[in-house]
């Protein structure tokens, strides 16, 4: 007869606030990731449009899908399954008392990260992947789709990581365990982008979690992340030797 240690599988009242957000982060991020990397989806755009339009439409699709899969879907699931949870509990609110704090830190971080992003975006290693839309000739439509796509995607991204996967975990686990889980998973999502981004995501994730906690909202993280992405994308567009911005399509 084999023996085993007795397991206590009693469900605690606070478990829902931990289990649901973590499972949502796993399920919905994986859903987004494999859809974004799907060669079948990419081929469907390539079969319908010329290369430049196909690239622009495909990347824009992945950004919108990311917004829905990582932002809207897990938020709805959490609101439905976690009793008493509100949008404010996920950082999707506005507090007048922390408005000035939010403004100062948003402006300060943007002033810090934008120049760094501009410098890094010029490097050949970065130009291998950015701008993500690989159209050779960017029109105004592609230019603004790129900006809108990044904004939607990163709003959804921060709804997941600084909202769903952070705010509800603070009460049942405590601030530092919540930050540790968040930073670990946030950094892990950057592994496909290389060692530099994976390592860099850890301190950035820590700072964004602390600021989200202090402000009670996700807006600092959203705006700073969008500023970084726009800077990187547009700087890469300017310096890429094979990609050009032609606002009139000529």
Protein backbone atom coordinates (compact mmCIF):
# COMPACT_ATOMS: atom_id res chain seq x y z
CA UNK A 1 0.00 0.00 0.00
CA UNK A 2 1.45 3.35 -1.02
CA UNK A 3 1.15 6.39 1.20
CA UNK A 4 0.74 10.08 0.48
CA UNK A 5 0.41 13.28 2.41
CA UNK A 6 -3.11 14.46 3.09
CA UNK A 7 -4.07 17.42 0.95
CA UNK A 8 -6.20 20.26 2.21
CA UNK A 9 -8.23 21.33 -0.80
CA UNK A 10 -10.70 23.51 1.06
CA UNK A 11 -11.69 26.53 -1.02
CA UNK A 12 -11.07 29.78 0.85
CA UNK A 13 -13.25 32.86 0.40
CA UNK A 14 -10.32 34.89 -0.94
CA UNK A 15 -9.09 32.23 -3.39
CA UNK A 16 -11.32 33.52 -6.18
CA UNK A 17 -9.46 36.85 -6.19
CA UNK A 18 -6.19 35.02 -6.80
CA UNK A 19 -7.12 32.03 -8.93
CA UNK A 20 -9.37 33.77 -11.45
CA UNK A 21 -6.96 36.64 -12.33
CA UNK A 22 -3.97 34.30 -12.71
CA UNK A 23 -5.90 31.83 -14.87
CA UNK A 24 -7.30 34.71 -16.93
CA UNK A 25 -3.79 36.02 -17.51
CA UNK A 26 -2.64 32.60 -18.68
CA UNK A 27 -5.63 31.73 -20.85
CA UNK A 28 -6.18 35.07 -22.52
CA UNK A 29 -2.53 35.93 -23.08
CA UNK A 30 -1.93 32.52 -24.65
CA UNK A 31 -5.05 33.01 -26.80
CA UNK A 32 -3.75 36.35 -28.02
CA UNK A 33 -0.19 35.12 -28.54
CA UNK A 34 -1.02 32.14 -30.73
CA UNK A 35 -3.53 34.15 -32.74
CA UNK A 36 -0.94 36.89 -33.31
CA UNK A 37 1.68 34.31 -34.34
CA UNK A 38 -0.67 32.25 -36.50
CA UNK A 39 0.72 31.75 -40.00
CA UNK A 40 -2.76 30.74 -41.15
CA UNK A 41 -4.21 34.12 -40.18
CA UNK A 42 -1.25 35.96 -41.68
CA UNK A 43 -1.57 34.00 -44.93
CA UNK A 44 -5.26 34.86 -45.16
CA UNK A 45 -4.34 38.57 -45.25
CA UNK A 46 -1.53 37.96 -47.75
CA UNK A 47 -3.93 36.13 -50.04
CA UNK A 48 -6.43 39.02 -50.05
CA UNK A 49 -4.19 42.09 -50.29
CA UNK A 50 -0.95 43.35 -51.78
CA UNK A 51 2.06 43.08 -49.46
CA UNK A 52 1.93 46.57 -47.91
CA UNK A 53 -1.79 46.48 -47.21
CA UNK A 54 -1.62 42.88 -46.02
CA UNK A 55 1.09 43.71 -43.51
CA UNK A 56 -0.75 46.77 -42.20
CA UNK A 57 -4.12 45.03 -41.92
CA UNK A 58 -2.65 41.92 -40.32
CA UNK A 59 -0.75 43.82 -37.62
CA UNK A 60 -3.74 46.07 -36.94
CA UNK A 61 -5.91 42.96 -36.58
CA UNK A 62 -3.51 41.49 -34.02
CA UNK A 63 -3.52 44.74 -32.04
CA UNK A 64 -7.32 44.95 -31.93
CA UNK A 65 -7.53 41.26 -31.08
CA UNK A 66 -5.00 41.84 -28.29
CA UNK A 67 -7.16 44.63 -26.89
CA UNK A 68 -10.20 42.36 -26.86
CA UNK A 69 -8.44 39.19 -25.70
CA UNK A 70 -6.19 40.68 -23.01
CA UNK A 71 -8.28 43.67 -21.96
CA UNK A 72 -12.00 43.24 -22.46
CA UNK A 73 -12.39 39.46 -22.09
CA UNK A 74 -10.51 38.90 -18.79
CA UNK A 75 -12.07 42.03 -17.30
CA UNK A 76 -15.56 40.71 -18.04
CA UNK A 77 -14.70 37.25 -16.67
CA UNK A 78 -13.33 38.73 -13.44
CA UNK A 79 -16.34 40.99 -12.96
CA UNK A 80 -18.66 38.02 -13.45
CA UNK A 81 -16.83 35.51 -11.28
CA UNK A 82 -15.39 37.57 -8.43
CA UNK A 83 -18.15 38.69 -6.11
CA UNK A 84 -18.22 42.43 -5.47
CA UNK A 85 -15.41 43.26 -7.87
CA UNK A 86 -15.79 46.58 -9.71
CA UNK A 87 -13.95 48.38 -12.50
CA UNK A 88 -12.44 50.65 -9.85
CA UNK A 89 -10.96 47.57 -8.16
CA UNK A 90 -9.15 46.87 -11.44
CA UNK A 91 -7.75 50.39 -11.67
CA UNK A 92 -10.21 51.48 -14.34
CA UNK A 93 -11.34 54.62 -12.60
CA UNK A 94 -10.32 58.19 -11.79
CA UNK A 95 -9.42 59.55 -8.36
CA UNK A 96 -9.27 63.32 -8.06
CA UNK A 97 -7.03 63.03 -5.02
CA UNK A 98 -4.32 61.19 -6.97
CA UNK A 99 -4.76 63.10 -10.24
CA UNK A 100 -1.76 65.37 -9.69
CA UNK A 101 0.40 62.41 -8.60
CA UNK A 102 -0.66 60.58 -11.78
CA UNK A 103 0.13 63.59 -13.96
CA UNK A 104 3.57 64.22 -12.44
CA UNK A 105 4.69 60.61 -12.64
CA UNK A 106 3.30 60.15 -16.13
CA UNK A 107 5.11 63.25 -17.40
CA UNK A 108 8.31 62.37 -15.54
CA UNK A 109 8.46 58.79 -16.77
CA UNK A 110 7.65 59.82 -20.34
CA UNK A 111 10.47 62.37 -20.20
CA UNK A 112 12.77 59.56 -19.10
CA UNK A 113 11.72 56.65 -21.33
CA UNK A 114 11.02 58.51 -24.60
CA UNK A 115 14.67 59.58 -25.18
CA UNK A 116 15.85 56.08 -24.23
CA UNK A 117 13.35 54.56 -26.66
CA UNK A 118 14.48 56.95 -29.41
CA UNK A 119 18.12 55.96 -28.91
CA UNK A 120 17.41 52.22 -28.75
CA UNK A 121 15.05 52.26 -31.74
CA UNK A 122 17.86 53.26 -34.11
CA UNK A 123 19.90 50.14 -33.39
CA UNK A 124 20.07 47.47 -36.13
CA UNK A 125 18.88 44.84 -33.66
CA UNK A 126 15.68 46.80 -33.07
CA UNK A 127 15.12 47.45 -36.78
CA UNK A 128 14.92 43.70 -37.36
CA UNK A 129 11.52 43.69 -35.63
CA UNK A 130 10.29 47.28 -35.69
CA UNK A 131 8.23 48.85 -36.99
CA UNK A 132 6.06 45.76 -36.78
CA UNK A 133 4.17 46.75 -39.92
CA UNK A 134 6.68 45.75 -42.58
CA UNK A 135 5.02 47.63 -45.43
CA UNK A 136 7.71 49.18 -47.62
CA UNK A 137 5.73 52.37 -48.22
CA UNK A 138 3.68 53.79 -45.36
CA UNK A 139 0.66 55.91 -46.29
CA UNK A 140 -1.21 58.19 -43.88
CA UNK A 141 -3.69 55.37 -43.33
CA UNK A 142 -0.95 52.93 -42.33
CA UNK A 143 0.73 55.59 -40.17
CA UNK A 144 -2.40 56.29 -38.12
CA UNK A 145 -3.44 52.64 -38.00
CA UNK A 146 -0.07 51.94 -36.44
CA UNK A 147 -0.64 54.57 -33.72
CA UNK A 148 -4.22 53.49 -33.03
CA UNK A 149 -3.30 49.82 -33.04
CA UNK A 150 -0.54 50.32 -30.46
CA UNK A 151 -2.82 52.44 -28.25
CA UNK A 152 -5.61 49.85 -28.25
CA UNK A 153 -3.25 46.94 -27.76
CA UNK A 154 -1.36 48.51 -24.85
CA UNK A 155 -4.56 49.65 -23.17
CA UNK A 156 -5.72 46.02 -23.23
CA UNK A 157 -2.25 44.83 -22.20
CA UNK A 158 -2.22 47.07 -19.13
CA UNK A 159 -5.83 46.17 -18.30
CA UNK A 160 -4.54 42.60 -18.00
CA UNK A 161 -1.17 43.08 -16.30
CA UNK A 162 -1.64 46.11 -14.06
CA UNK A 163 -5.40 45.62 -13.70
CA UNK A 164 -6.57 42.01 -13.66
CA UNK A 165 -3.24 40.41 -12.70
CA UNK A 166 -2.29 42.90 -10.01
CA UNK A 167 -4.97 44.94 -8.29
CA UNK A 168 -7.24 42.06 -7.12
CA UNK A 169 -4.24 40.12 -5.76
CA UNK A 170 -3.13 42.84 -3.33
CA UNK A 171 -5.82 42.28 -0.71
CA UNK A 172 -5.59 38.45 -0.41
CA UNK A 173 -1.81 38.12 -0.90
CA UNK A 174 -0.25 41.43 0.14
CA UNK A 175 1.52 43.98 -2.01
CA UNK A 176 4.90 42.28 -2.45
CA UNK A 177 3.62 38.79 -3.37
CA UNK A 178 1.24 40.50 -5.84
CA UNK A 179 4.14 42.45 -7.36
CA UNK A 180 6.34 39.33 -7.50
CA UNK A 181 3.71 37.35 -9.40
CA UNK A 182 3.02 40.26 -11.72
CA UNK A 183 6.65 41.05 -12.55
CA UNK A 184 7.54 37.37 -13.05
CA UNK A 185 4.72 36.78 -15.54
CA UNK A 186 5.14 40.18 -17.18
CA UNK A 187 8.84 39.57 -17.78
CA UNK A 188 8.15 36.04 -19.04
CA UNK A 189 5.89 37.39 -21.79
CA UNK A 190 8.91 39.26 -23.20
CA UNK A 191 11.05 36.13 -23.64
CA UNK A 192 10.25 35.81 -27.38
CA UNK A 193 11.55 39.37 -27.85
CA UNK A 194 15.01 38.51 -26.55
CA UNK A 195 17.08 38.74 -23.39
CA UNK A 196 17.35 42.55 -23.36
CA UNK A 197 13.59 43.14 -23.32
CA UNK A 198 13.00 40.29 -20.88
CA UNK A 199 15.45 41.72 -18.36
CA UNK A 200 14.32 45.30 -18.96
CA UNK A 201 10.69 44.36 -18.34
CA UNK A 202 11.40 43.42 -14.71
CA UNK A 203 12.36 46.87 -13.31
CA UNK A 204 9.78 48.58 -15.51
CA UNK A 205 7.12 46.16 -14.30
CA UNK A 206 8.09 46.83 -10.68
CA UNK A 207 7.86 50.61 -11.13
CA UNK A 208 4.52 50.40 -12.95
CA UNK A 209 3.07 48.15 -10.26
CA UNK A 210 4.14 50.53 -7.48
CA UNK A 211 2.73 53.53 -9.33
CA UNK A 212 -0.50 51.70 -10.08
CA UNK A 213 -0.81 50.85 -6.40
CA UNK A 214 -0.04 54.41 -5.31
CA UNK A 215 -2.42 56.06 -7.78
CA UNK A 216 -5.16 53.44 -7.59
CA UNK A 217 -5.41 53.42 -11.38
CA UNK A 218 -3.69 51.92 -14.42
CA UNK A 219 -3.42 55.21 -16.35
CA UNK A 220 0.27 55.89 -15.63
CA UNK A 221 1.18 52.45 -16.97
CA UNK A 222 -1.09 52.83 -20.01
CA UNK A 223 0.17 56.25 -21.08
CA UNK A 224 3.86 55.55 -20.44
CA UNK A 225 3.67 52.25 -22.30
CA UNK A 226 1.96 53.88 -25.28
CA UNK A 227 4.52 56.69 -25.32
CA UNK A 228 7.34 54.13 -25.43
CA UNK A 229 5.71 52.11 -28.21
CA UNK A 230 4.89 55.13 -30.36
CA UNK A 231 8.42 56.49 -29.95
CA UNK A 232 10.03 53.17 -30.78
CA UNK A 233 7.76 52.54 -33.75
CA UNK A 234 8.08 55.98 -35.34
CA UNK A 235 11.83 56.21 -34.72
CA UNK A 236 12.27 52.79 -36.31
CA UNK A 237 10.16 53.95 -39.24
CA UNK A 238 12.37 57.00 -39.72
CA UNK A 239 15.64 55.06 -39.60
CA UNK A 240 14.71 51.82 -41.34
CA UNK A 241 16.57 51.70 -44.68
CA UNK A 242 13.84 49.72 -46.49
CA UNK A 243 10.68 51.26 -45.04
CA UNK A 244 9.56 54.76 -45.97
CA UNK A 245 6.73 57.08 -45.01
CA UNK A 246 4.93 58.38 -48.10
CA UNK A 247 1.86 60.29 -46.84
CA UNK A 248 0.48 60.72 -50.33
CA UNK A 249 1.11 57.13 -51.26
CA UNK A 250 3.82 58.09 -53.77
